[in-house]
Amino acid sequence: MIPLRDRNPTATVPVVNFLIIGINLAVFVYELSLGDEVEWLFMHFGVIPRDIVFALSGTPIDPRPLVTLFTSMFLHGGWVHLLGNMLYLWVFGDNVEDKVGHGRYLIFYLMCGLSATGFHVLLEPNASLPTVGASGAISGVLAAYLVMFPKVRVLTVIPIFIFLQTAELPAVVVLGMWFVIQFFNGLASVGRVETGGVAWWAHIGGFIAGLVLILPFRRR
């Protein structure tokens, strides 16, 4: 299912959400300018679980690989990866920011992203391929939206074989199905030989973080 828009107007301009989307787009344009050298960018600024574990086990701790926990959130592996993430952030992020406030939303977003990559490193500590993308942080935003606006109607595209059908569904259905897909894909990836595909458990980790963090973050 592909969300297009929701029936959930905001009282404030989501400046932080716009800023995050703008930064991701700008970084991707920079990636395109690198051509074949973009692989170097991923290796140095994407999260490599093995390097994170090695950095944390050293005395003293090497902070350089830890920086990638932040930088990896703004890198993407292609147009589909980028536009899919930004679409979800565009549809759902503005309402979360409206509910928690601008500064708190930025902190919430980054904490969800850190939790997502941390969960991925915990489950794949020996992985040597870089992980990039905003998916983990956005997963936390989706969880926050689900907690605060479960009944809001979301205009959604539903692929049925070769046909596309649109329908307005409650957010709990759209985001609940999204989580179920992530969970079962995560289970299917357990024990699989490392291929550098989607970090499903990072999505799940970000979603769980969002469920927990939104409770103290949202304003009364």
N, C-alpha and C. Protein backbone atom coordinates (compact mmCIF):
# COMPACT_ATOMS: atom_id res chain seq x y z
N MET A 1 0.84 -1.20 0.00
CA MET A 1 0.00 0.00 0.00
C MET A 1 0.88 1.25 0.00
N ILE A 2 0.46 2.24 -0.79
CA ILE A 2 1.24 3.47 -0.93
C ILE A 2 0.37 4.64 -0.48
N PRO A 3 0.72 5.31 0.63
CA PRO A 3 -0.08 6.44 1.09
C PRO A 3 0.15 7.67 0.21
N LEU A 4 -0.91 8.40 -0.06
CA LEU A 4 -0.81 9.61 -0.88
C LEU A 4 -1.02 10.88 -0.04
N ARG A 5 -2.02 10.86 0.83
CA ARG A 5 -2.27 11.98 1.73
C ARG A 5 -3.23 11.52 2.82
N ASP A 6 -3.28 12.31 3.87
CA ASP A 6 -4.19 12.01 4.97
C ASP A 6 -5.15 13.17 5.18
N ARG A 7 -6.27 12.88 5.83
CA ARG A 7 -7.24 13.93 6.18
C ARG A 7 -6.97 14.37 7.61
N ASN A 8 -5.89 15.10 7.77
CA ASN A 8 -5.43 15.46 9.12
C ASN A 8 -4.69 16.79 9.05
N PRO A 9 -5.41 17.91 8.98
CA PRO A 9 -4.76 19.22 8.86
C PRO A 9 -3.93 19.57 10.09
N THR A 10 -2.90 20.38 9.88
CA THR A 10 -2.03 20.80 10.98
C THR A 10 -2.28 22.27 11.32
N ALA A 11 -1.95 22.63 12.56
CA ALA A 11 -2.11 24.01 13.03
C ALA A 11 -0.84 24.82 12.83
N THR A 12 0.28 24.17 12.54
CA THR A 12 1.56 24.86 12.37
C THR A 12 2.22 24.40 11.08
N VAL A 13 3.17 25.19 10.62
CA VAL A 13 3.95 24.81 9.44
C VAL A 13 5.05 23.84 9.87
N PRO A 14 5.13 22.65 9.26
CA PRO A 14 6.12 21.63 9.68
C PRO A 14 7.52 21.95 9.16
N VAL A 15 8.13 22.99 9.69
CA VAL A 15 9.41 23.47 9.15
C VAL A 15 10.52 22.43 9.32
N VAL A 16 10.51 21.69 10.42
CA VAL A 16 11.56 20.69 10.65
C VAL A 16 11.39 19.53 9.67
N ASN A 17 10.15 19.11 9.45
CA ASN A 17 9.90 18.04 8.49
C ASN A 17 10.35 18.44 7.10
N PHE A 18 10.04 19.69 6.71
CA PHE A 18 10.50 20.20 5.42
C PHE A 18 12.03 20.21 5.36
N LEU A 19 12.67 20.62 6.47
CA LEU A 19 14.13 20.69 6.52
C LEU A 19 14.76 19.31 6.35
N ILE A 20 14.21 18.33 7.03
CA ILE A 20 14.74 16.96 6.94
C ILE A 20 14.61 16.44 5.51
N ILE A 21 13.45 16.66 4.91
CA ILE A 21 13.24 16.23 3.52
C ILE A 21 14.22 16.95 2.59
N GLY A 22 14.39 18.26 2.80
CA GLY A 22 15.30 19.04 1.96
C GLY A 22 16.74 18.56 2.08
N ILE A 23 17.18 18.25 3.29
CA ILE A 23 18.55 17.77 3.49
C ILE A 23 18.75 16.44 2.77
N ASN A 24 17.78 15.54 2.90
CA ASN A 24 17.89 14.24 2.23
C ASN A 24 17.96 14.39 0.72
N LEU A 25 17.16 15.29 0.17
CA LEU A 25 17.19 15.52 -1.28
C LEU A 25 18.52 16.12 -1.71
N ALA A 26 19.02 17.08 -0.93
CA ALA A 26 20.29 17.73 -1.27
C ALA A 26 21.44 16.73 -1.22
N VAL A 27 21.45 15.88 -0.21
CA VAL A 27 22.52 14.88 -0.09
C VAL A 27 22.45 13.90 -1.25
N PHE A 28 21.23 13.54 -1.67
CA PHE A 28 21.12 12.60 -2.79
C PHE A 28 21.63 13.22 -4.09
N VAL A 29 21.36 14.51 -4.29
CA VAL A 29 21.90 15.19 -5.46
C VAL A 29 23.43 15.15 -5.42
N TYR A 30 24.00 15.33 -4.24
CA TYR A 30 25.45 15.24 -4.10
C TYR A 30 25.94 13.82 -4.42
N GLU A 31 25.19 12.81 -3.99
CA GLU A 31 25.55 11.43 -4.31
C GLU A 31 25.61 11.23 -5.83
N LEU A 32 24.62 11.77 -6.52
CA LEU A 32 24.58 11.62 -7.98
C LEU A 32 25.79 12.28 -8.64
N SER A 33 26.25 13.38 -8.04
CA SER A 33 27.40 14.09 -8.62
C SER A 33 28.69 13.30 -8.48
N LEU A 34 28.73 12.34 -7.57
CA LEU A 34 29.96 11.57 -7.34
C LEU A 34 30.16 10.46 -8.35
N GLY A 35 29.10 10.05 -9.03
CA GLY A 35 29.23 8.96 -10.00
C GLY A 35 29.63 7.67 -9.31
N ASP A 36 30.63 7.00 -9.83
CA ASP A 36 31.08 5.72 -9.27
C ASP A 36 31.73 5.87 -7.90
N GLU A 37 32.14 7.08 -7.53
CA GLU A 37 32.79 7.29 -6.24
C GLU A 37 31.80 7.31 -5.08
N VAL A 38 30.50 7.19 -5.38
CA VAL A 38 29.51 7.20 -4.30
C VAL A 38 29.70 6.00 -3.37
N GLU A 39 30.31 4.93 -3.88
CA GLU A 39 30.57 3.77 -3.03
C GLU A 39 31.51 4.15 -1.88
N TRP A 40 32.46 5.02 -2.17
CA TRP A 40 33.37 5.51 -1.13
C TRP A 40 32.57 6.25 -0.05
N LEU A 41 31.58 7.04 -0.46
CA LEU A 41 30.75 7.78 0.49
C LEU A 41 29.99 6.83 1.40
N PHE A 42 29.43 5.77 0.83
CA PHE A 42 28.68 4.81 1.63
C PHE A 42 29.59 4.09 2.62
N MET A 43 30.79 3.73 2.18
CA MET A 43 31.70 2.99 3.05
C MET A 43 32.20 3.84 4.22
N HIS A 44 32.28 5.14 4.03
CA HIS A 44 32.80 6.01 5.07
C HIS A 44 31.72 6.67 5.93
N PHE A 45 30.51 6.80 5.40
CA PHE A 45 29.45 7.49 6.13
C PHE A 45 28.19 6.65 6.34
N GLY A 46 28.18 5.43 5.82
CA GLY A 46 27.12 4.49 6.14
C GLY A 46 27.48 3.70 7.38
N VAL A 47 26.49 3.10 8.01
CA VAL A 47 26.73 2.31 9.22
C VAL A 47 27.21 0.91 8.84
N ILE A 48 28.40 0.54 9.29
CA ILE A 48 28.94 -0.80 9.12
C ILE A 48 28.97 -1.44 10.52
N PRO A 49 28.05 -2.36 10.81
CA PRO A 49 27.94 -2.90 12.16
C PRO A 49 29.25 -3.41 12.74
N ARG A 50 30.03 -4.11 11.93
CA ARG A 50 31.30 -4.65 12.42
C ARG A 50 32.22 -3.53 12.92
N ASP A 51 32.26 -2.40 12.21
CA ASP A 51 33.10 -1.28 12.63
C ASP A 51 32.58 -0.64 13.91
N ILE A 52 31.26 -0.57 14.07
CA ILE A 52 30.66 -0.01 15.28
C ILE A 52 31.02 -0.86 16.49
N VAL A 53 30.88 -2.16 16.34
CA VAL A 53 31.21 -3.07 17.45
C VAL A 53 32.68 -2.96 17.81
N PHE A 54 33.55 -2.91 16.80
CA PHE A 54 34.98 -2.80 17.04
C PHE A 54 35.31 -1.48 17.74
N ALA A 55 34.65 -0.39 17.32
CA ALA A 55 34.91 0.92 17.92
C ALA A 55 34.49 0.95 19.39
N LEU A 56 33.37 0.31 19.71
CA LEU A 56 32.88 0.30 21.09
C LEU A 56 33.69 -0.61 21.99
N SER A 57 34.36 -1.60 21.40
CA SER A 57 35.12 -2.56 22.21
C SER A 57 36.53 -2.07 22.51
N GLY A 58 36.94 -0.98 21.85
CA GLY A 58 38.29 -0.46 22.06
C GLY A 58 38.42 0.35 23.33
N THR A 59 39.63 0.50 23.79
CA THR A 59 39.92 1.34 24.96
C THR A 59 41.08 2.27 24.60
N PRO A 60 40.82 3.57 24.41
CA PRO A 60 39.49 4.20 24.53
C PRO A 60 38.62 3.92 23.32
N ILE A 61 37.33 4.28 23.46
CA ILE A 61 36.38 4.09 22.37
C ILE A 61 36.73 5.00 21.20
N ASP A 62 36.72 4.44 19.99
CA ASP A 62 37.00 5.21 18.78
C ASP A 62 35.70 5.89 18.33
N PRO A 63 35.61 7.22 18.37
CA PRO A 63 34.34 7.89 18.05
C PRO A 63 34.05 7.98 16.56
N ARG A 64 35.04 7.76 15.70
CA ARG A 64 34.84 8.00 14.27
C ARG A 64 33.74 7.14 13.65
N PRO A 65 33.73 5.82 13.86
CA PRO A 65 32.63 5.03 13.28
C PRO A 65 31.27 5.40 13.87
N LEU A 66 31.25 5.90 15.11
CA LEU A 66 29.98 6.23 15.75
C LEU A 66 29.28 7.40 15.07
N VAL A 67 30.06 8.25 14.40
CA VAL A 67 29.47 9.38 13.67
C VAL A 67 28.55 8.88 12.56
N THR A 68 28.84 7.70 12.03
CA THR A 68 28.02 7.18 10.93
C THR A 68 26.60 6.84 11.38
N LEU A 69 26.38 6.70 12.68
CA LEU A 69 25.02 6.47 13.18
C LEU A 69 24.11 7.63 12.80
N PHE A 70 24.69 8.84 12.70
CA PHE A 70 23.94 10.02 12.28
C PHE A 70 23.98 10.21 10.77
N THR A 71 25.16 10.13 10.20
CA THR A 71 25.31 10.45 8.77
C THR A 71 24.56 9.46 7.88
N SER A 72 24.46 8.21 8.32
CA SER A 72 23.79 7.20 7.49
C SER A 72 22.31 7.52 7.28
N MET A 73 21.71 8.30 8.19
CA MET A 73 20.28 8.62 8.09
C MET A 73 19.96 9.51 6.90
N PHE A 74 20.98 10.13 6.32
CA PHE A 74 20.74 11.09 5.24
C PHE A 74 21.30 10.61 3.90
N LEU A 75 21.67 9.33 3.83
CA LEU A 75 22.14 8.72 2.59
C LEU A 75 21.10 7.74 2.07
N HIS A 76 21.01 7.62 0.75
CA HIS A 76 20.06 6.68 0.16
C HIS A 76 20.70 5.97 -1.04
N GLY A 77 20.25 4.74 -1.25
CA GLY A 77 20.85 3.90 -2.27
C GLY A 77 20.29 4.05 -3.67
N GLY A 78 19.28 4.90 -3.86
CA GLY A 78 18.71 5.08 -5.18
C GLY A 78 17.44 5.91 -5.11
N TRP A 79 16.88 6.22 -6.30
CA TRP A 79 15.68 7.06 -6.36
C TRP A 79 14.49 6.42 -5.66
N VAL A 80 14.28 5.14 -5.86
CA VAL A 80 13.14 4.46 -5.24
C VAL A 80 13.27 4.49 -3.73
N HIS A 81 14.47 4.22 -3.24
CA HIS A 81 14.74 4.25 -1.81
C HIS A 81 14.44 5.64 -1.24
N LEU A 82 14.94 6.66 -1.90
CA LEU A 82 14.76 8.03 -1.44
C LEU A 82 13.30 8.47 -1.50
N LEU A 83 12.67 8.33 -2.66
CA LEU A 83 11.32 8.84 -2.83
C LEU A 83 10.31 8.09 -1.97
N GLY A 84 10.51 6.79 -1.79
CA GLY A 84 9.63 6.03 -0.90
C GLY A 84 9.70 6.55 0.53
N ASN A 85 10.90 6.78 1.01
CA ASN A 85 11.07 7.30 2.37
C ASN A 85 10.49 8.70 2.51
N MET A 86 10.77 9.56 1.54
CA MET A 86 10.31 10.95 1.64
C MET A 86 8.78 11.04 1.52
N LEU A 87 8.17 10.14 0.75
CA LEU A 87 6.72 10.14 0.64
C LEU A 87 6.08 9.85 2.00
N TYR A 88 6.56 8.84 2.68
CA TYR A 88 6.02 8.51 4.01
C TYR A 88 6.26 9.65 4.99
N LEU A 89 7.43 10.27 4.93
CA LEU A 89 7.73 11.37 5.83
C LEU A 89 6.84 12.57 5.52
N TRP A 90 6.59 12.83 4.25
CA TRP A 90 5.74 13.95 3.83
C TRP A 90 4.30 13.76 4.32
N VAL A 91 3.78 12.54 4.20
CA VAL A 91 2.38 12.27 4.56
C VAL A 91 2.17 12.28 6.07
N PHE A 92 3.10 11.67 6.81
CA PHE A 92 2.86 11.44 8.23
C PHE A 92 3.68 12.34 9.17
N GLY A 93 4.80 12.86 8.71
CA GLY A 93 5.69 13.59 9.61
C GLY A 93 5.14 14.93 10.06
N ASP A 94 4.37 15.62 9.20
CA ASP A 94 3.91 16.95 9.56
C ASP A 94 2.99 16.94 10.78
N ASN A 95 2.13 15.92 10.87
CA ASN A 95 1.22 15.84 12.00
C ASN A 95 1.93 15.50 13.30
N VAL A 96 2.96 14.66 13.20
CA VAL A 96 3.73 14.33 14.40
C VAL A 96 4.46 15.57 14.91
N GLU A 97 5.07 16.33 13.99
CA GLU A 97 5.74 17.56 14.37
C GLU A 97 4.76 18.56 14.98
N ASP A 98 3.57 18.66 14.39
CA ASP A 98 2.54 19.57 14.90
C ASP A 98 2.15 19.20 16.34
N LYS A 99 2.16 17.92 16.63
CA LYS A 99 1.72 17.44 17.94
C LYS A 99 2.79 17.59 19.01
N VAL A 100 4.06 17.36 18.65
CA VAL A 100 5.13 17.36 19.67
C VAL A 100 5.90 18.67 19.72
N GLY A 101 5.83 19.50 18.66
CA GLY A 101 6.61 20.72 18.62
C GLY A 101 7.85 20.55 17.75
N HIS A 102 8.36 21.66 17.22
CA HIS A 102 9.44 21.60 16.23
C HIS A 102 10.73 21.01 16.79
N GLY A 103 11.25 21.60 17.87
CA GLY A 103 12.51 21.12 18.43
C GLY A 103 12.43 19.70 18.93
N ARG A 104 11.33 19.38 19.61
CA ARG A 104 11.16 18.03 20.14
C ARG A 104 11.02 17.01 19.02
N TYR A 105 10.41 17.44 17.92
CA TYR A 105 10.27 16.53 16.78
C TYR A 105 11.63 16.16 16.20
N LEU A 106 12.52 17.14 16.09
CA LEU A 106 13.86 16.86 15.57
C LEU A 106 14.59 15.87 16.46
N ILE A 107 14.52 16.10 17.78
CA ILE A 107 15.18 15.18 18.72
C ILE A 107 14.56 13.79 18.63
N PHE A 108 13.23 13.74 18.55
CA PHE A 108 12.52 12.47 18.44
C PHE A 108 12.95 11.72 17.19
N TYR A 109 13.02 12.42 16.06
CA TYR A 109 13.40 11.81 14.79
C TYR A 109 14.80 11.21 14.87
N LEU A 110 15.74 11.98 15.39
CA LEU A 110 17.13 11.50 15.48
C LEU A 110 17.25 10.33 16.45
N MET A 111 16.52 10.38 17.56
CA MET A 111 16.58 9.28 18.54
C MET A 111 16.01 8.00 17.95
N CYS A 112 14.95 8.11 17.17
CA CYS A 112 14.40 6.92 16.51
C CYS A 112 15.40 6.35 15.51
N GLY A 113 16.07 7.24 14.77
CA GLY A 113 17.08 6.78 13.82
C GLY A 113 18.23 6.07 14.51
N LEU A 114 18.71 6.63 15.61
CA LEU A 114 19.78 6.00 16.37
C LEU A 114 19.35 4.65 16.93
N SER A 115 18.13 4.58 17.43
CA SER A 115 17.61 3.32 17.97
C SER A 115 17.52 2.27 16.87
N ALA A 116 17.10 2.69 15.69
CA ALA A 116 16.96 1.75 14.57
C ALA A 116 18.30 1.15 14.17
N THR A 117 19.31 2.02 13.99
CA THR A 117 20.62 1.50 13.60
C THR A 117 21.26 0.70 14.73
N GLY A 118 21.00 1.11 15.97
CA GLY A 118 21.51 0.35 17.10
C GLY A 118 20.93 -1.05 17.14
N PHE A 119 19.64 -1.17 16.83
CA PHE A 119 18.98 -2.47 16.80
C PHE A 119 19.55 -3.33 15.69
N HIS A 120 19.82 -2.70 14.55
CA HIS A 120 20.42 -3.43 13.43
C HIS A 120 21.82 -3.94 13.79
N VAL A 121 22.62 -3.09 14.42
CA VAL A 121 23.97 -3.50 14.83
C VAL A 121 23.90 -4.63 15.85
N LEU A 122 22.94 -4.55 16.77
CA LEU A 122 22.79 -5.58 17.80
C LEU A 122 22.49 -6.95 17.19
N LEU A 123 21.66 -6.97 16.15
CA LEU A 123 21.26 -8.25 15.55
C LEU A 123 22.19 -8.73 14.45
N GLU A 124 22.96 -7.79 13.86
CA GLU A 124 23.90 -8.16 12.79
C GLU A 124 25.30 -7.61 13.12
N PRO A 125 25.89 -8.00 14.25
CA PRO A 125 27.15 -7.38 14.68
C PRO A 125 28.34 -7.65 13.77
N ASN A 126 28.26 -8.69 12.95
CA ASN A 126 29.39 -9.04 12.09
C ASN A 126 29.23 -8.56 10.65
N ALA A 127 28.14 -7.85 10.37
CA ALA A 127 27.90 -7.38 9.00
C ALA A 127 28.97 -6.38 8.58
N SER A 128 29.48 -6.53 7.38
CA SER A 128 30.57 -5.67 6.90
C SER A 128 30.14 -4.74 5.77
N LEU A 129 28.87 -4.81 5.38
CA LEU A 129 28.36 -3.93 4.33
C LEU A 129 27.66 -2.73 4.96
N PRO A 130 27.77 -1.56 4.33
CA PRO A 130 27.17 -0.35 4.92
C PRO A 130 25.65 -0.33 4.80
N THR A 131 25.02 0.21 5.82
CA THR A 131 23.58 0.42 5.83
C THR A 131 23.32 1.91 5.75
N VAL A 132 22.44 2.32 4.83
CA VAL A 132 22.12 3.74 4.67
C VAL A 132 20.61 3.91 4.56
N GLY A 133 20.14 5.12 4.84
CA GLY A 133 18.74 5.43 4.64
C GLY A 133 18.07 5.99 5.88
N ALA A 134 16.98 6.72 5.63
CA ALA A 134 16.21 7.34 6.70
C ALA A 134 15.09 6.44 7.19
N SER A 135 15.03 5.21 6.70
CA SER A 135 13.90 4.33 6.99
C SER A 135 13.70 4.09 8.48
N GLY A 136 14.78 3.91 9.23
CA GLY A 136 14.65 3.64 10.65
C GLY A 136 14.03 4.79 11.40
N ALA A 137 14.50 6.01 11.12
CA ALA A 137 13.95 7.19 11.78
C ALA A 137 12.50 7.40 11.37
N ILE A 138 12.19 7.21 10.09
CA ILE A 138 10.82 7.39 9.61
C ILE A 138 9.90 6.32 10.20
N SER A 139 10.41 5.14 10.45
CA SER A 139 9.62 4.10 11.11
C SER A 139 9.14 4.58 12.48
N GLY A 140 10.01 5.29 13.20
CA GLY A 140 9.60 5.86 14.48
C GLY A 140 8.51 6.90 14.33
N VAL A 141 8.59 7.71 13.27
CA VAL A 141 7.55 8.70 12.99
C VAL A 141 6.22 8.01 12.70
N LEU A 142 6.26 6.92 11.94
CA LEU A 142 5.04 6.18 11.64
C LEU A 142 4.41 5.62 12.90
N ALA A 143 5.24 5.12 13.80
CA ALA A 143 4.73 4.59 15.06
C ALA A 143 4.06 5.68 15.88
N ALA A 144 4.68 6.87 15.91
CA ALA A 144 4.11 7.99 16.64
C ALA A 144 2.76 8.38 16.05
N TYR A 145 2.67 8.41 14.74
CA TYR A 145 1.41 8.73 14.07
C TYR A 145 0.34 7.70 14.43
N LEU A 146 0.72 6.44 14.43
CA LEU A 146 -0.22 5.37 14.75
C LEU A 146 -0.78 5.53 16.16
N VAL A 147 0.07 5.91 17.11
CA VAL A 147 -0.37 6.09 18.49
C VAL A 147 -1.33 7.27 18.62
N MET A 148 -1.03 8.38 17.93
CA MET A 148 -1.80 9.61 18.13
C MET A 148 -2.99 9.77 17.20
N PHE A 149 -2.92 9.15 16.01
CA PHE A 149 -3.99 9.35 15.03
C PHE A 149 -4.43 8.03 14.39
N PRO A 150 -4.81 7.04 15.17
CA PRO A 150 -5.11 5.72 14.58
C PRO A 150 -6.33 5.71 13.67
N LYS A 151 -7.29 6.62 13.88
CA LYS A 151 -8.54 6.59 13.12
C LYS A 151 -8.56 7.53 11.92
N VAL A 152 -7.49 8.34 11.73
CA VAL A 152 -7.45 9.28 10.62
C VAL A 152 -7.47 8.52 9.30
N ARG A 153 -8.23 9.03 8.35
CA ARG A 153 -8.34 8.39 7.04
C ARG A 153 -7.15 8.75 6.17
N VAL A 154 -6.58 7.77 5.51
CA VAL A 154 -5.41 7.95 4.65
C VAL A 154 -5.76 7.46 3.25
N LEU A 155 -5.63 8.36 2.27
CA LEU A 155 -5.84 7.96 0.88
C LEU A 155 -4.66 7.10 0.44
N THR A 156 -4.95 5.89 0.02
CA THR A 156 -3.91 4.89 -0.21
C THR A 156 -4.08 4.23 -1.57
N VAL A 157 -2.96 4.00 -2.25
CA VAL A 157 -2.98 3.22 -3.48
C VAL A 157 -2.75 1.75 -3.13
N ILE A 158 -3.64 0.89 -3.61
CA ILE A 158 -3.56 -0.54 -3.31
C ILE A 158 -3.33 -1.30 -4.62
N PRO A 159 -2.15 -1.89 -4.80
CA PRO A 159 -1.91 -2.69 -6.02
C PRO A 159 -2.67 -4.01 -5.95
N ILE A 160 -3.47 -4.28 -6.98
CA ILE A 160 -4.18 -5.55 -7.09
C ILE A 160 -3.78 -6.18 -8.42
N PHE A 161 -2.85 -7.10 -8.32
CA PHE A 161 -2.24 -7.70 -9.51
C PHE A 161 -1.64 -6.58 -10.37
N ILE A 162 -2.14 -6.36 -11.58
CA ILE A 162 -1.57 -5.32 -12.44
C ILE A 162 -2.37 -4.01 -12.36
N PHE A 163 -3.39 -3.98 -11.51
CA PHE A 163 -4.24 -2.81 -11.40
C PHE A 163 -3.93 -2.04 -10.11
N LEU A 164 -4.23 -0.74 -10.13
CA LEU A 164 -4.05 0.12 -8.97
C LEU A 164 -5.41 0.65 -8.54
N GLN A 165 -5.72 0.43 -7.28
CA GLN A 165 -6.99 0.89 -6.72
C GLN A 165 -6.72 1.85 -5.57
N THR A 166 -7.48 2.94 -5.49
CA THR A 166 -7.32 3.88 -4.37
C THR A 166 -8.46 3.70 -3.39
N ALA A 167 -8.13 3.90 -2.12
CA ALA A 167 -9.15 3.77 -1.07
C ALA A 167 -8.69 4.58 0.13
N GLU A 168 -9.66 5.08 0.89
CA GLU A 168 -9.35 5.75 2.14
C GLU A 168 -9.47 4.75 3.28
N LEU A 169 -8.36 4.51 3.95
CA LEU A 169 -8.31 3.53 5.02
C LEU A 169 -7.86 4.20 6.31
N PRO A 170 -8.27 3.68 7.46
CA PRO A 170 -7.78 4.22 8.73
C PRO A 170 -6.27 4.04 8.84
N ALA A 171 -5.62 4.98 9.50
CA ALA A 171 -4.17 4.91 9.65
C ALA A 171 -3.74 3.61 10.33
N VAL A 172 -4.57 3.12 11.25
CA VAL A 172 -4.20 1.88 11.95
C VAL A 172 -4.10 0.71 10.98
N VAL A 173 -4.89 0.72 9.90
CA VAL A 173 -4.81 -0.35 8.91
C VAL A 173 -3.58 -0.17 8.03
N VAL A 174 -3.37 1.05 7.54
CA VAL A 174 -2.24 1.32 6.65
C VAL A 174 -0.92 1.06 7.35
N LEU A 175 -0.75 1.63 8.54
CA LEU A 175 0.53 1.50 9.25
C LEU A 175 0.65 0.13 9.92
N GLY A 176 -0.47 -0.44 10.30
CA GLY A 176 -0.42 -1.80 10.87
C GLY A 176 0.05 -2.80 9.83
N MET A 177 -0.47 -2.68 8.60
CA MET A 177 -0.02 -3.56 7.53
C MET A 177 1.46 -3.32 7.21
N TRP A 178 1.86 -2.05 7.23
CA TRP A 178 3.27 -1.73 6.98
C TRP A 178 4.16 -2.45 7.99
N PHE A 179 3.80 -2.42 9.27
CA PHE A 179 4.63 -3.06 10.28
C PHE A 179 4.64 -4.58 10.11
N VAL A 180 3.50 -5.16 9.80
CA VAL A 180 3.44 -6.61 9.61
C VAL A 180 4.38 -7.05 8.48
N ILE A 181 4.40 -6.28 7.39
CA ILE A 181 5.30 -6.60 6.27
C ILE A 181 6.75 -6.52 6.71
N GLN A 182 7.11 -5.46 7.48
CA GLN A 182 8.49 -5.33 7.95
C GLN A 182 8.86 -6.51 8.86
N PHE A 183 7.92 -6.88 9.73
CA PHE A 183 8.21 -7.94 10.71
C PHE A 183 8.45 -9.28 10.02
N PHE A 184 7.59 -9.64 9.09
CA PHE A 184 7.75 -10.94 8.44
C PHE A 184 8.95 -10.96 7.50
N ASN A 185 9.25 -9.84 6.88
CA ASN A 185 10.48 -9.77 6.09
C ASN A 185 11.70 -9.89 6.98
N GLY A 186 11.62 -9.30 8.18
CA GLY A 186 12.72 -9.44 9.14
C GLY A 186 12.92 -10.88 9.55
N LEU A 187 11.82 -11.60 9.83
CA LEU A 187 11.93 -13.01 10.18
C LEU A 187 12.52 -13.82 9.03
N ALA A 188 12.12 -13.48 7.80
CA ALA A 188 12.62 -14.21 6.64
C ALA A 188 14.11 -13.98 6.41
N SER A 189 14.62 -12.84 6.92
CA SER A 189 16.04 -12.52 6.69
C SER A 189 16.96 -13.15 7.73
N VAL A 190 16.39 -13.74 8.80
CA VAL A 190 17.21 -14.33 9.84
C VAL A 190 17.99 -15.51 9.29
N GLY A 191 19.29 -15.51 9.49
CA GLY A 191 20.14 -16.59 9.03
C GLY A 191 20.51 -16.52 7.57
N ARG A 192 20.03 -15.49 6.87
CA ARG A 192 20.34 -15.36 5.45
C ARG A 192 21.76 -14.84 5.27
N VAL A 193 22.43 -15.28 4.25
CA VAL A 193 23.77 -14.80 3.95
C VAL A 193 23.70 -13.32 3.63
N GLU A 194 24.66 -12.55 4.16
CA GLU A 194 24.67 -11.10 3.99
C GLU A 194 24.73 -10.72 2.52
N THR A 195 23.72 -9.89 2.11
CA THR A 195 23.66 -9.49 0.71
C THR A 195 23.64 -7.98 0.54
N GLY A 196 23.52 -7.24 1.63
CA GLY A 196 23.46 -5.79 1.54
C GLY A 196 22.09 -5.27 1.16
N GLY A 197 21.03 -6.08 1.39
CA GLY A 197 19.68 -5.67 1.06
C GLY A 197 19.09 -4.75 2.13
N VAL A 198 17.77 -4.80 2.24
CA VAL A 198 17.06 -3.93 3.18
C VAL A 198 17.32 -4.38 4.61
N ALA A 199 17.59 -3.41 5.48
CA ALA A 199 17.81 -3.71 6.91
C ALA A 199 16.45 -3.72 7.60
N TRP A 200 15.72 -4.84 7.47
CA TRP A 200 14.37 -4.91 7.99
C TRP A 200 14.31 -4.69 9.49
N TRP A 201 15.29 -5.22 10.22
CA TRP A 201 15.26 -5.09 11.67
C TRP A 201 15.52 -3.66 12.12
N ALA A 202 16.17 -2.87 11.30
CA ALA A 202 16.31 -1.44 11.61
C ALA A 202 14.95 -0.76 11.57
N HIS A 203 14.11 -1.15 10.60
CA HIS A 203 12.75 -0.60 10.52
C HIS A 203 11.97 -0.97 11.79
N ILE A 204 12.08 -2.21 12.18
CA ILE A 204 11.35 -2.67 13.36
C ILE A 204 11.86 -1.98 14.61
N GLY A 205 13.18 -1.84 14.72
CA GLY A 205 13.76 -1.16 15.87
C GLY A 205 13.32 0.29 15.95
N GLY A 206 13.29 0.99 14.81
CA GLY A 206 12.83 2.37 14.80
C GLY A 206 11.37 2.48 15.17
N PHE A 207 10.56 1.54 14.71
CA PHE A 207 9.13 1.56 15.01
C PHE A 207 8.89 1.35 16.50
N ILE A 208 9.58 0.40 17.08
CA ILE A 208 9.44 0.15 18.53
C ILE A 208 9.89 1.37 19.32
N ALA A 209 10.99 1.99 18.89
CA ALA A 209 11.48 3.20 19.57
C ALA A 209 10.43 4.30 19.50
N GLY A 210 9.79 4.46 18.33
CA GLY A 210 8.76 5.48 18.19
C GLY A 210 7.59 5.23 19.11
N LEU A 211 7.17 3.98 19.26
CA LEU A 211 6.07 3.65 20.15
C LEU A 211 6.38 4.05 21.60
N VAL A 212 7.61 3.84 22.00
CA VAL A 212 8.01 4.12 23.38
C VAL A 212 8.26 5.61 23.59
N LEU A 213 8.99 6.23 22.66
CA LEU A 213 9.42 7.61 22.85
C LEU A 213 8.29 8.63 22.70
N ILE A 214 7.28 8.32 21.90
CA ILE A 214 6.25 9.32 21.66
C ILE A 214 5.45 9.62 22.93
N LEU A 215 5.41 8.70 23.86
CA LEU A 215 4.63 8.92 25.07
C LEU A 215 5.17 10.10 25.89
N PRO A 216 6.47 10.18 26.18
CA PRO A 216 6.97 11.36 26.89
C PRO A 216 7.17 12.59 25.98
N PHE A 217 7.25 12.39 24.67
CA PHE A 217 7.56 13.49 23.77
C PHE A 217 6.32 14.32 23.41
N ARG A 218 5.17 13.72 23.31
CA ARG A 218 4.02 14.48 22.85
C ARG A 218 3.55 15.46 23.91
N ARG A 219 3.09 16.61 23.45
CA ARG A 219 2.61 17.65 24.35
C ARG A 219 1.19 17.36 24.76
N ARG A 220 0.85 17.71 25.97
CA ARG A 220 -0.54 17.51 26.43
C ARG A 220 -1.43 18.60 25.83
